[in-house]
Amino acid sequence: MTQPIAVFDSGLGGLTVLRALRSRLPHEDFFYFADTRFLPYGDRPEAFLRERGVRIAEALRRRGAKALVVACNTATAAAAEAIRAAVTGPVVALEPGVKPAVALSGNKCIGVLATTRTLASERFQRLVGTHAAGARVIAQPCPGLAEAIEAEGPEGAGVTALLDSFVAPLAAASVDVVVLGCTHYPWVAEAIRQRLPAGTQLLDTGEAVARQLERLLLAGGLQGGGQGQLTVTTSGSPTSVHATVDRLWGEHLSVTHWEPEHA
């Protein structure tokens, strides 16, 4: 059995990262895990997320994963350090792209759209303190947006109403770069762009994660060996998410149940 690259998220937003990974690393096998039984992570206590993240990471390593991508900004904020301490092998974790956003910004005023938990985390505060000196950061929590995207699809009425509310403060502040600080948000990137002044840049970290994973695989002699196979799993009911997976991915993907506790 080849060793896959494991990718996990609280739900299906991480499919945006998975798409970037598969595009850059076509000769790898991937195992995607959506922890939908505990969606949304953004409303969970940090201690729970840390323990859950470590449990998932350890189960994925036992299953044979040669590298792990934490495709969830909220899980990264709560659990990345604990996961790296608990498992061997490459671990790539997402975080909002504050540093590149500040570098791109002409007026040094950037916006960050993310979950409440991500923005409240110590890790995010460190990011801003380290990389945003001299810049104004408009951090906009988006409670309910990730769940609405999964439940309704990117063009749902609930999604539209939430975007109207969450993007308006960024437009009013004249930000010129907006960080998409949750893996679900690239699904609605065009709708976000339409609500911002012309020329505002959006920053998605999927490509940066793919490049970093490629570097780590090469450095560790772990690259290749797969056949481009993709396994998609969920801790919830496959039947309840398969339509959403197909809609977001753009083609049919088989979804099976997988539970870290039993791995």
C-alpha atoms as a PDB file:
ATOM      1  CA  MET A   1       0.000   0.000   0.000  1.00  0.00           C
ATOM      2  CA  THR A   2       1.387   3.399  -0.912  1.00  0.00           C
ATOM      3  CA  GLN A   3       1.622   6.042   1.784  1.00  0.00           C
ATOM      4  CA  PRO A   4      -0.926   8.800   1.149  1.00  0.00           C
ATOM      5  CA  ILE A   5      -0.795  12.424   2.190  1.00  0.00           C
ATOM      6  CA  ALA A   6      -3.523  13.015   4.761  1.00  0.00           C
ATOM      7  CA  VAL A   7      -5.543  16.230   4.708  1.00  0.00           C
ATOM      8  CA  PHE A   8      -8.066  17.061   7.400  1.00  0.00           C
ATOM      9  CA  ASP A   9     -10.544  19.842   8.099  1.00  0.00           C
ATOM     10  CA  SER A  10     -13.608  20.309  10.267  1.00  0.00           C
ATOM     11  CA  GLY A  11     -15.690  20.034   7.111  1.00  0.00           C
ATOM     12  CA  LEU A  12     -15.397  20.420   3.372  1.00  0.00           C
ATOM     13  CA  GLY A  13     -13.657  23.782   3.086  1.00  0.00           C
ATOM     14  CA  GLY A  14     -10.336  21.954   2.989  1.00  0.00           C
ATOM     15  CA  LEU A  15     -11.294  20.672  -0.460  1.00  0.00           C
ATOM     16  CA  THR A  16     -10.011  24.033  -1.724  1.00  0.00           C
ATOM     17  CA  VAL A  17      -6.588  23.154  -0.292  1.00  0.00           C
ATOM     18  CA  LEU A  18      -6.848  19.589  -1.576  1.00  0.00           C
ATOM     19  CA  ARG A  19      -7.420  20.895  -5.102  1.00  0.00           C
ATOM     20  CA  ALA A  20      -4.226  22.981  -4.915  1.00  0.00           C
ATOM     21  CA  LEU A  21      -2.287  20.028  -3.494  1.00  0.00           C
ATOM     22  CA  ARG A  22      -3.410  17.613  -6.213  1.00  0.00           C
ATOM     23  CA  SER A  23      -2.642  20.155  -8.918  1.00  0.00           C
ATOM     24  CA  ARG A  24       0.923  20.620  -7.663  1.00  0.00           C
ATOM     25  CA  LEU A  25       1.526  16.981  -6.630  1.00  0.00           C
ATOM     26  CA  PRO A  26      -0.270  14.800  -9.203  1.00  0.00           C
ATOM     27  CA  HIS A  27       1.825  11.711  -8.409  1.00  0.00           C
ATOM     28  CA  GLU A  28       0.691  11.529  -4.791  1.00  0.00           C
ATOM     29  CA  ASP A  29      -2.232   9.683  -3.229  1.00  0.00           C
ATOM     30  CA  PHE A  30      -4.437  11.691  -0.861  1.00  0.00           C
ATOM     31  CA  PHE A  31      -6.669  10.775   2.079  1.00  0.00           C
ATOM     32  CA  TYR A  32      -9.107  13.568   2.973  1.00  0.00           C
ATOM     33  CA  PHE A  33     -10.922  13.545   6.312  1.00  0.00           C
ATOM     34  CA  ALA A  34     -13.816  15.897   7.070  1.00  0.00           C
ATOM     35  CA  ASP A  35     -14.597  15.894  10.789  1.00  0.00           C
ATOM     36  CA  THR A  36     -18.199  16.904  10.166  1.00  0.00           C
ATOM     37  CA  ARG A  37     -19.428  15.228  13.353  1.00  0.00           C
ATOM     38  CA  PHE A  38     -17.907  18.172  15.229  1.00  0.00           C
ATOM     39  CA  LEU A  39     -18.537  20.944  12.688  1.00  0.00           C
ATOM     40  CA  PRO A  40     -18.170  23.852  13.263  1.00  0.00           C
ATOM     41  CA  TYR A  41     -14.756  23.916  14.934  1.00  0.00           C
ATOM     42  CA  GLY A  42     -15.060  27.679  15.331  1.00  0.00           C
ATOM     43  CA  ASP A  43     -17.546  27.244  18.184  1.00  0.00           C
ATOM     44  CA  ARG A  44     -15.534  24.591  20.058  1.00  0.00           C
ATOM     45  CA  PRO A  45     -13.313  25.209  23.118  1.00  0.00           C
ATOM     46  CA  GLU A  46      -9.602  25.393  22.386  1.00  0.00           C
ATOM     47  CA  ALA A  47      -8.819  22.462  24.695  1.00  0.00           C
ATOM     48  CA  PHE A  48     -11.256  20.250  22.786  1.00  0.00           C
ATOM     49  CA  LEU A  49      -9.761  21.255  19.427  1.00  0.00           C
ATOM     50  CA  ARG A  50      -6.243  20.552  20.655  1.00  0.00           C
ATOM     51  CA  GLU A  51      -7.172  17.093  21.917  1.00  0.00           C
ATOM     52  CA  ARG A  52      -9.237  16.287  18.820  1.00  0.00           C
ATOM     53  CA  GLY A  53      -6.499  17.469  16.473  1.00  0.00           C
ATOM     54  CA  VAL A  54      -3.890  15.272  18.131  1.00  0.00           C
ATOM     55  CA  ARG A  55      -6.234  12.277  18.080  1.00  0.00           C
ATOM     56  CA  ILE A  56      -6.916  12.715  14.364  1.00  0.00           C
ATOM     57  CA  ALA A  57      -3.222  13.221  13.552  1.00  0.00           C
ATOM     58  CA  GLU A  58      -2.162  10.116  15.463  1.00  0.00           C
ATOM     59  CA  ALA A  59      -4.872   8.013  13.789  1.00  0.00           C
ATOM     60  CA  LEU A  60      -3.854   9.264  10.331  1.00  0.00           C
ATOM     61  CA  ARG A  61      -0.220   8.378  11.002  1.00  0.00           C
ATOM     62  CA  ARG A  62      -1.249   4.900  12.191  1.00  0.00           C
ATOM     63  CA  ARG A  63      -3.176   4.544   8.962  1.00  0.00           C
ATOM     64  CA  GLY A  64       0.066   5.089   7.044  1.00  0.00           C
ATOM     65  CA  ALA A  65      -0.005   8.773   6.122  1.00  0.00           C
ATOM     66  CA  LYS A  66       3.499  10.005   5.248  1.00  0.00           C
ATOM     67  CA  ALA A  67       2.592  13.669   5.698  1.00  0.00           C
ATOM     68  CA  LEU A  68      -0.253  15.620   7.258  1.00  0.00           C
ATOM     69  CA  VAL A  69      -1.919  18.830   6.109  1.00  0.00           C
ATOM     70  CA  VAL A  70      -4.103  20.593   8.677  1.00  0.00           C
ATOM     71  CA  ALA A  71      -6.436  22.266   6.168  1.00  0.00           C
ATOM     72  CA  CYS A  72      -8.285  24.298   8.770  1.00  0.00           C
ATOM     73  CA  ASN A  73      -7.238  27.664  10.164  1.00  0.00           C
ATOM     74  CA  THR A  74      -9.186  27.101  13.381  1.00  0.00           C
ATOM     75  CA  ALA A  75      -7.539  23.715  14.022  1.00  0.00           C
ATOM     76  CA  THR A  76      -4.135  25.217  13.259  1.00  0.00           C
ATOM     77  CA  ALA A  77      -4.687  28.027  15.739  1.00  0.00           C
ATOM     78  CA  ALA A  78      -5.675  25.622  18.505  1.00  0.00           C
ATOM     79  CA  ALA A  79      -3.677  22.480  17.827  1.00  0.00           C
ATOM     80  CA  ALA A  80      -0.756  22.870  15.392  1.00  0.00           C
ATOM     81  CA  GLU A  81       1.966  22.901  18.049  1.00  0.00           C
ATOM     82  CA  ALA A  82       0.434  19.935  19.883  1.00  0.00           C
ATOM     83  CA  ILE A  83       0.087  17.964  16.627  1.00  0.00           C
ATOM     84  CA  ARG A  84       3.721  18.588  15.660  1.00  0.00           C
ATOM     85  CA  ALA A  85       4.810  17.429  19.118  1.00  0.00           C
ATOM     86  CA  ALA A  86       2.679  14.278  18.933  1.00  0.00           C
ATOM     87  CA  VAL A  87       3.508  12.857  15.486  1.00  0.00           C
ATOM     88  CA  THR A  88       6.576  12.329  13.333  1.00  0.00           C
ATOM     89  CA  GLY A  89       6.852  13.320   9.686  1.00  0.00           C
ATOM     90  CA  PRO A  90       5.980  16.520   7.834  1.00  0.00           C
ATOM     91  CA  VAL A  91       3.057  18.556   9.162  1.00  0.00           C
ATOM     92  CA  VAL A  92       1.860  21.581   7.179  1.00  0.00           C
ATOM     93  CA  ALA A  93      -0.711  23.762   8.899  1.00  0.00           C
ATOM     94  CA  LEU A  94      -2.722  26.656   7.544  1.00  0.00           C
ATOM     95  CA  GLU A  95      -2.733  30.098   9.043  1.00  0.00           C
ATOM     96  CA  PRO A  96      -4.107  33.390   7.755  1.00  0.00           C
ATOM     97  CA  GLY A  97      -1.647  35.015   5.342  1.00  0.00           C
ATOM     98  CA  VAL A  98      -1.065  38.197   7.340  1.00  0.00           C
ATOM     99  CA  LYS A  99       2.610  38.493   6.388  1.00  0.00           C
ATOM    100  CA  PRO A 100       2.126  38.310   2.573  1.00  0.00           C
ATOM    101  CA  ALA A 101      -0.971  40.516   2.829  1.00  0.00           C
ATOM    102  CA  VAL A 102       0.961  43.312   4.549  1.00  0.00           C
ATOM    103  CA  ALA A 103       3.717  42.974   1.947  1.00  0.00           C
ATOM    104  CA  LEU A 104       1.153  43.281  -0.877  1.00  0.00           C
ATOM    105  CA  SER A 105      -0.792  46.161   0.634  1.00  0.00           C
ATOM    106  CA  GLY A 106      -0.181  49.598  -0.824  1.00  0.00           C
ATOM    107  CA  ASN A 107      -1.997  51.565   1.881  1.00  0.00           C
ATOM    108  CA  LYS A 108      -1.011  49.187   4.711  1.00  0.00           C
ATOM    109  CA  CYS A 109      -4.631  48.456   5.554  1.00  0.00           C
ATOM    110  CA  ILE A 110      -5.617  44.792   5.258  1.00  0.00           C
ATOM    111  CA  GLY A 111      -8.696  42.785   6.114  1.00  0.00           C
ATOM    112  CA  VAL A 112      -8.885  39.265   7.509  1.00  0.00           C
ATOM    113  CA  LEU A 113     -12.036  37.162   7.214  1.00  0.00           C
ATOM    114  CA  ALA A 114     -11.932  34.168   9.571  1.00  0.00           C
ATOM    115  CA  THR A 115     -13.810  32.269  12.239  1.00  0.00           C
ATOM    116  CA  THR A 116     -14.262  33.798  15.671  1.00  0.00           C
ATOM    117  CA  ARG A 117     -12.008  31.115  17.177  1.00  0.00           C
ATOM    118  CA  THR A 118      -9.169  31.770  14.714  1.00  0.00           C
ATOM    119  CA  LEU A 119      -9.192  35.520  15.314  1.00  0.00           C
ATOM    120  CA  ALA A 120      -9.344  35.115  19.095  1.00  0.00           C
ATOM    121  CA  SER A 121      -6.416  32.688  19.179  1.00  0.00           C
ATOM    122  CA  GLU A 122      -3.009  33.455  20.618  1.00  0.00           C
ATOM    123  CA  ARG A 123      -1.459  32.239  17.371  1.00  0.00           C
ATOM    124  CA  PHE A 124      -3.309  34.865  15.322  1.00  0.00           C
ATOM    125  CA  GLN A 125      -2.381  37.614  17.772  1.00  0.00           C
ATOM    126  CA  ARG A 126       1.271  36.577  17.416  1.00  0.00           C
ATOM    127  CA  LEU A 127       0.952  36.666  13.617  1.00  0.00           C
ATOM    128  CA  VAL A 128      -0.354  40.220  13.710  1.00  0.00           C
ATOM    129  CA  GLY A 129       2.205  41.320  16.289  1.00  0.00           C
ATOM    130  CA  THR A 130       5.099  39.835  14.314  1.00  0.00           C
ATOM    131  CA  HIS A 131       4.157  40.686  10.740  1.00  0.00           C
ATOM    132  CA  ALA A 132       1.766  43.643  10.787  1.00  0.00           C
ATOM    133  CA  ALA A 133       3.813  46.336  12.511  1.00  0.00           C
ATOM    134  CA  GLY A 134       2.828  49.687  11.037  1.00  0.00           C
ATOM    135  CA  ALA A 135      -0.200  48.235   9.279  1.00  0.00           C
ATOM    136  CA  ARG A 136      -3.886  48.430  10.144  1.00  0.00           C
ATOM    137  CA  VAL A 137      -5.540  45.017  10.390  1.00  0.00           C
ATOM    138  CA  ILE A 138      -9.332  44.804  10.208  1.00  0.00           C
ATOM    139  CA  ALA A 139     -10.070  41.351  11.677  1.00  0.00           C
ATOM    140  CA  GLN A 140     -13.638  40.380  10.796  1.00  0.00           C
ATOM    141  CA  PRO A 141     -15.136  37.298  12.480  1.00  0.00           C
ATOM    142  CA  CYS A 142     -17.598  35.403  10.289  1.00  0.00           C
ATOM    143  CA  PRO A 143     -19.728  33.205  12.568  1.00  0.00           C
ATOM    144  CA  GLY A 144     -21.924  30.814  10.628  1.00  0.00           C
ATOM    145  CA  LEU A 145     -20.427  31.480   7.191  1.00  0.00           C
ATOM    146  CA  ALA A 146     -18.549  28.190   6.785  1.00  0.00           C
ATOM    147  CA  GLU A 147     -21.593  26.204   7.896  1.00  0.00           C
ATOM    148  CA  ALA A 148     -23.875  28.163   5.543  1.00  0.00           C
ATOM    149  CA  ILE A 149     -21.557  27.494   2.581  1.00  0.00           C
ATOM    150  CA  GLU A 150     -21.686  23.761   3.325  1.00  0.00           C
ATOM    151  CA  ALA A 151     -25.440  23.678   3.945  1.00  0.00           C
ATOM    152  CA  GLU A 152     -26.606  25.917   1.100  1.00  0.00           C
ATOM    153  CA  GLY A 153     -23.767  26.107  -1.390  1.00  0.00           C
ATOM    154  CA  PRO A 154     -21.892  29.287  -2.316  1.00  0.00           C
ATOM    155  CA  GLU A 155     -24.948  31.007  -3.807  1.00  0.00           C
ATOM    156  CA  GLY A 156     -27.399  30.314  -0.979  1.00  0.00           C
ATOM    157  CA  ALA A 157     -29.554  33.121   0.410  1.00  0.00           C
ATOM    158  CA  GLY A 158     -28.078  32.693   3.875  1.00  0.00           C
ATOM    159  CA  VAL A 159     -24.537  32.913   2.481  1.00  0.00           C
ATOM    160  CA  THR A 160     -25.436  36.077   0.594  1.00  0.00           C
ATOM    161  CA  ALA A 161     -26.842  37.734   3.710  1.00  0.00           C
ATOM    162  CA  LEU A 162     -23.800  36.827   5.803  1.00  0.00           C
ATOM    163  CA  LEU A 163     -21.392  38.122   3.153  1.00  0.00           C
ATOM    164  CA  ASP A 164     -23.305  41.414   2.992  1.00  0.00           C
ATOM    165  CA  SER A 165     -22.800  41.785   6.734  1.00  0.00           C
ATOM    166  CA  PHE A 166     -19.197  40.590   7.058  1.00  0.00           C
ATOM    167  CA  VAL A 167     -17.593  42.209   4.009  1.00  0.00           C
ATOM    168  CA  ALA A 168     -19.122  45.671   4.491  1.00  0.00           C
ATOM    169  CA  PRO A 169     -16.766  46.730   7.333  1.00  0.00           C
ATOM    170  CA  LEU A 170     -13.740  45.831   5.204  1.00  0.00           C
ATOM    171  CA  ALA A 171     -15.018  47.843   2.258  1.00  0.00           C
ATOM    172  CA  ALA A 172     -15.770  50.790   4.560  1.00  0.00           C
ATOM    173  CA  ALA A 173     -12.220  50.669   5.951  1.00  0.00           C
ATOM    174  CA  SER A 174     -10.722  50.866   2.428  1.00  0.00           C
ATOM    175  CA  VAL A 175      -8.623  47.717   2.797  1.00  0.00           C
ATOM    176  CA  ASP A 176      -6.690  46.881  -0.355  1.00  0.00           C
ATOM    177  CA  VAL A 177      -5.869  43.237   0.500  1.00  0.00           C
ATOM    178  CA  VAL A 178      -8.239  40.731   2.112  1.00  0.00           C
ATOM    179  CA  VAL A 179      -7.025  37.470   3.618  1.00  0.00           C
ATOM    180  CA  LEU A 180      -9.389  34.505   3.248  1.00  0.00           C
ATOM    181  CA  GLY A 181      -8.686  33.034   6.676  1.00  0.00           C
ATOM    182  CA  CYS A 182     -10.890  29.947   6.392  1.00  0.00           C
ATOM    183  CA  THR A 183     -10.665  27.199   3.784  1.00  0.00           C
ATOM    184  CA  HIS A 184     -14.387  27.533   3.038  1.00  0.00           C
ATOM    185  CA  TYR A 185     -14.094  31.135   1.887  1.00  0.00           C
ATOM    186  CA  PRO A 186     -12.404  30.544  -1.501  1.00  0.00           C
ATOM    187  CA  TRP A 187     -15.700  28.956  -2.583  1.00  0.00           C
ATOM    188  CA  VAL A 188     -17.251  32.440  -2.294  1.00  0.00           C
ATOM    189  CA  ALA A 189     -14.198  34.455  -3.382  1.00  0.00           C
ATOM    190  CA  GLU A 190     -15.970  36.038  -6.344  1.00  0.00           C
ATOM    191  CA  ALA A 191     -18.914  37.117  -4.196  1.00  0.00           C
ATOM    192  CA  ILE A 192     -16.488  38.640  -1.682  1.00  0.00           C
ATOM    193  CA  ARG A 193     -14.633  40.444  -4.475  1.00  0.00           C
ATOM    194  CA  GLN A 194     -17.888  41.939  -5.783  1.00  0.00           C
ATOM    195  CA  ARG A 195     -18.516  43.534  -2.388  1.00  0.00           C
ATOM    196  CA  LEU A 196     -15.108  45.217  -2.217  1.00  0.00           C
ATOM    197  CA  PRO A 197     -13.671  48.223  -4.079  1.00  0.00           C
ATOM    198  CA  ALA A 198     -12.290  47.449  -7.527  1.00  0.00           C
ATOM    199  CA  GLY A 199      -8.694  46.311  -7.396  1.00  0.00           C
ATOM    200  CA  THR A 200      -8.854  44.823  -3.891  1.00  0.00           C
ATOM    201  CA  GLN A 201      -6.675  41.700  -3.800  1.00  0.00           C
ATOM    202  CA  LEU A 202      -7.820  38.448  -2.183  1.00  0.00           C
ATOM    203  CA  LEU A 203      -5.265  36.148  -0.605  1.00  0.00           C
ATOM    204  CA  ASP A 204      -5.867  32.387  -0.433  1.00  0.00           C
ATOM    205  CA  THR A 205      -3.215  30.193   1.203  1.00  0.00           C
ATOM    206  CA  GLY A 206      -3.889  26.953  -0.727  1.00  0.00           C
ATOM    207  CA  GLU A 207      -1.056  27.455  -3.212  1.00  0.00           C
ATOM    208  CA  ALA A 208       1.410  28.407  -0.477  1.00  0.00           C
ATOM    209  CA  VAL A 209       0.517  25.253   1.470  1.00  0.00           C
ATOM    210  CA  ALA A 210       1.070  23.110  -1.644  1.00  0.00           C
ATOM    211  CA  ARG A 211       4.504  24.660  -2.212  1.00  0.00           C
ATOM    212  CA  GLN A 212       5.512  24.146   1.421  1.00  0.00           C
ATOM    213  CA  LEU A 213       4.386  20.513   1.394  1.00  0.00           C
ATOM    214  CA  GLU A 214       6.330  19.894  -1.828  1.00  0.00           C
ATOM    215  CA  ARG A 215       9.480  21.348  -0.213  1.00  0.00           C
ATOM    216  CA  LEU A 216       9.103  19.129   2.865  1.00  0.00           C
ATOM    217  CA  LEU A 217       8.481  15.990   0.818  1.00  0.00           C
ATOM    218  CA  LEU A 218      11.574  16.655  -1.306  1.00  0.00           C
ATOM    219  CA  ALA A 219      13.700  17.404   1.759  1.00  0.00           C
ATOM    220  CA  GLY A 220      12.623  14.153   3.394  1.00  0.00           C
ATOM    221  CA  GLY A 221      12.906  11.997   0.277  1.00  0.00           C
ATOM    222  CA  LEU A 222       9.182  11.272   0.526  1.00  0.00           C
ATOM    223  CA  GLN A 223       7.922  12.576  -2.787  1.00  0.00           C
ATOM    224  CA  GLY A 224       6.033  10.470  -5.326  1.00  0.00           C
ATOM    225  CA  GLY A 225       5.102   6.828  -5.153  1.00  0.00           C
ATOM    226  CA  GLY A 226       1.392   7.351  -5.596  1.00  0.00           C
ATOM    227  CA  GLN A 227      -1.010   7.096  -8.521  1.00  0.00           C
ATOM    228  CA  GLY A 228      -3.144  10.184  -7.982  1.00  0.00           C
ATOM    229  CA  GLN A 229      -5.721   8.241  -5.969  1.00  0.00           C
ATOM    230  CA  LEU A 230      -8.125  10.165  -3.751  1.00  0.00           C
ATOM    231  CA  THR A 231     -10.046   8.861  -0.745  1.00  0.00           C
ATOM    232  CA  VAL A 232     -12.632  11.160   0.872  1.00  0.00           C
ATOM    233  CA  THR A 233     -13.971  10.328   4.331  1.00  0.00           C
ATOM    234  CA  THR A 234     -16.114  11.879   7.037  1.00  0.00           C
ATOM    235  CA  SER A 235     -16.747  11.278  10.739  1.00  0.00           C
ATOM    236  CA  GLY A 236     -20.401  12.048  10.066  1.00  0.00           C
ATOM    237  CA  SER A 237     -22.856  10.479   7.666  1.00  0.00           C
ATOM    238  CA  PRO A 238     -21.519  10.111   4.102  1.00  0.00           C
ATOM    239  CA  THR A 239     -25.022  10.441   2.693  1.00  0.00           C
ATOM    240  CA  SER A 240     -25.458  13.817   4.393  1.00  0.00           C
ATOM    241  CA  VAL A 241     -22.331  15.326   2.825  1.00  0.00           C
ATOM    242  CA  HIS A 242     -21.923  13.641  -0.571  1.00  0.00           C
ATOM    243  CA  ALA A 243     -24.156  16.144  -2.383  1.00  0.00           C
ATOM    244  CA  THR A 244     -22.176  19.028  -0.888  1.00  0.00           C
ATOM    245  CA  VAL A 245     -18.885  17.366  -1.836  1.00  0.00           C
ATOM    246  CA  ASP A 246     -20.051  16.885  -5.415  1.00  0.00           C
ATOM    247  CA  ARG A 247     -21.345  20.458  -5.652  1.00  0.00           C
ATOM    248  CA  LEU A 248     -18.166  22.036  -4.291  1.00  0.00           C
ATOM    249  CA  TRP A 249     -15.734  19.724  -6.095  1.00  0.00           C
ATOM    250  CA  GLY A 250     -17.563  19.924  -9.399  1.00  0.00           C
ATOM    251  CA  GLU A 251     -17.701  16.183  -9.987  1.00  0.00           C
ATOM    252  CA  HIS A 252     -18.828  13.072  -8.145  1.00  0.00           C
ATOM    253  CA  LEU A 253     -16.546  11.828  -5.368  1.00  0.00           C
ATOM    254  CA  SER A 254     -17.236   8.720  -3.324  1.00  0.00           C
ATOM    255  CA  VAL A 255     -17.425   9.488   0.421  1.00  0.00           C
ATOM    256  CA  THR A 256     -16.996   6.854   3.138  1.00  0.00           C
ATOM    257  CA  HIS A 257     -17.176   6.917   6.934  1.00  0.00           C
ATOM    258  CA  TRP A 258     -13.942   6.971   8.943  1.00  0.00           C
ATOM    259  CA  GLU A 259     -13.544   7.494  12.662  1.00  0.00           C
ATOM    260  CA  PRO A 260     -10.189   8.320  14.312  1.00  0.00           C
ATOM    261  CA  GLU A 261     -11.216   6.667  17.581  1.00  0.00           C
ATOM    262  CA  HIS A 262     -11.436   3.294  15.841  1.00  0.00           C
ATOM    263  CA  ALA A 263      -8.389   3.616  13.600  1.00  0.00           C
END
